C-alpha atoms as a PDB file:
ATOM      1  CA  MET A   1      -6.466  -1.591  -8.297  1.00  0.00           C
ATOM      2  CA  ASP A   2      -5.681   1.728 -10.023  1.00  0.00           C
ATOM      3  CA  ALA A   3      -4.872   4.768  -7.925  1.00  0.00           C
ATOM      4  CA  GLY A   4      -4.553   7.795  -9.924  1.00  0.00           C
ATOM      5  CA  LYS A   5      -1.514   7.209 -12.563  1.00  0.00           C
ATOM      6  CA  TYR A   6      -0.417   4.431 -10.006  1.00  0.00           C
ATOM      7  CA  HIS A   7      -1.232   0.901 -10.120  1.00  0.00           C
ATOM      8  CA  ALA A   8      -1.378  -0.439  -6.502  1.00  0.00           C
ATOM      9  CA  GLU A   9      -1.032  -3.932  -5.299  1.00  0.00           C
ATOM     10  CA  LEU A  10      -2.187  -4.312  -1.491  1.00  0.00           C
ATOM     11  CA  VAL A  11      -0.450  -7.411   0.176  1.00  0.00           C
ATOM     12  CA  VAL A  12      -1.819  -8.895   3.441  1.00  0.00           C
ATOM     13  CA  ASP A  13       0.436 -12.271   4.952  1.00  0.00           C
ATOM     14  CA  GLY A  14      -1.920 -12.753   7.940  1.00  0.00           C
ATOM     15  CA  THR A  15       0.116 -10.819  10.487  1.00  0.00           C
ATOM     16  CA  THR A  16      -0.308  -7.228  11.053  1.00  0.00           C
ATOM     17  CA  THR A  17       1.898  -5.910   8.461  1.00  0.00           C
ATOM     18  CA  VAL A  18       0.741  -4.677   5.079  1.00  0.00           C
ATOM     19  CA  ALA A  19       2.467  -3.880   2.303  1.00  0.00           C
ATOM     20  CA  LEU A  20       1.706  -1.770  -0.808  1.00  0.00           C
ATOM     21  CA  PHE A  21       3.345  -2.357  -4.061  1.00  0.00           C
ATOM     22  CA  LEU A  22       3.577   0.712  -6.648  1.00  0.00           C
ATOM     23  CA  SER A  23       3.767   0.616 -10.066  1.00  0.00           C
ATOM     24  CA  ASP A  24       3.151   2.061 -13.570  1.00  0.00           C
ATOM     25  CA  ALA A  25       0.655   1.251 -16.258  1.00  0.00           C
ATOM     26  CA  ASP A  26       3.015  -0.712 -17.989  1.00  0.00           C
ATOM     27  CA  ASP A  27       3.604  -2.776 -14.253  1.00  0.00           C
ATOM     28  CA  ARG A  28       6.934  -0.982 -13.972  1.00  0.00           C
ATOM     29  CA  PRO A  29       7.772  -0.248 -10.199  1.00  0.00           C
ATOM     30  CA  ILE A  30       7.881   3.066  -9.240  1.00  0.00           C
ATOM     31  CA  ALA A  31      10.020   4.191  -6.163  1.00  0.00           C
ATOM     32  CA  ALA A  32       7.805   4.856  -3.200  1.00  0.00           C
ATOM     33  CA  THR A  33      10.185   7.385  -1.787  1.00  0.00           C
ATOM     34  CA  GLY A  34       7.928  10.478  -1.112  1.00  0.00           C
ATOM     35  CA  VAL A  35       4.635   9.102  -1.380  1.00  0.00           C
ATOM     36  CA  LYS A  36       2.125   9.334   1.197  1.00  0.00           C
ATOM     37  CA  ALA A  37      -0.887   6.789   1.316  1.00  0.00           C
ATOM     38  CA  ASN A  38      -3.420   5.427   4.161  1.00  0.00           C
ATOM     39  CA  ALA A  39      -4.877   2.150   3.931  1.00  0.00           C
ATOM     40  CA  ILE A  40      -8.369   1.594   5.200  1.00  0.00           C
ATOM     41  CA  LEU A  41      -9.173  -2.076   6.007  1.00  0.00           C
ATOM     42  CA  VAL A  42     -12.721  -3.648   7.366  1.00  0.00           C
ATOM     43  CA  ILE A  43     -11.688  -5.454  10.467  1.00  0.00           C
ATOM     44  CA  ASP A  44     -14.581  -7.322  12.108  1.00  0.00           C
ATOM     45  CA  GLY A  45     -16.755  -5.168  10.277  1.00  0.00           C
ATOM     46  CA  LYS A  46     -15.424  -2.042  11.466  1.00  0.00           C
ATOM     47  CA  SER A  47     -13.384   0.486   9.063  1.00  0.00           C
ATOM     48  CA  GLN A  48      -9.764   1.045  10.257  1.00  0.00           C
ATOM     49  CA  ARG A  49      -7.705   3.455   8.880  1.00  0.00           C
ATOM     50  CA  PHE A  50      -3.710   3.489   9.552  1.00  0.00           C
ATOM     51  CA  PRO A  51      -0.821   5.278   7.559  1.00  0.00           C
ATOM     52  CA  LEU A  52       1.473   3.867   4.934  1.00  0.00           C
ATOM     53  CA  ALA A  53       5.131   4.459   5.114  1.00  0.00           C
ATOM     54  CA  PRO A  54       7.657   4.342   2.305  1.00  0.00           C
ATOM     55  CA  ALA A  55      10.144   1.371   2.285  1.00  0.00           C
ATOM     56  CA  GLU A  56      12.459  -0.109   0.100  1.00  0.00           C
ATOM     57  CA  GLY A  57      11.641   0.177  -3.556  1.00  0.00           C
ATOM     58  CA  ALA A  58       8.332   0.502  -4.633  1.00  0.00           C
ATOM     59  CA  LYS A  59       6.890  -0.993  -1.274  1.00  0.00           C
ATOM     60  CA  LEU A  60       5.041   0.967   1.424  1.00  0.00           C
ATOM     61  CA  VAL A  61       4.259  -0.766   4.589  1.00  0.00           C
ATOM     62  CA  GLY A  62       1.887  -0.074   7.660  1.00  0.00           C
ATOM     63  CA  THR A  63       0.983  -1.789  10.363  1.00  0.00           C
ATOM     64  CA  ALA A  64      -2.551  -2.880  10.842  1.00  0.00           C
END
């Protein structure tokens, strides 16, 4: 999805870890350093919000 000037791809793998990958309009990775984000997931019909923190490269991670 588009998020302002970024493209964001949210990846869930069946664990409690959630990863968000950032890229620009040309699909080039954007460093996640200094980026703040929250994820909002609907789990069992209820919205749950949790923070995502920068990890290596263009990745932010959090725990759902």
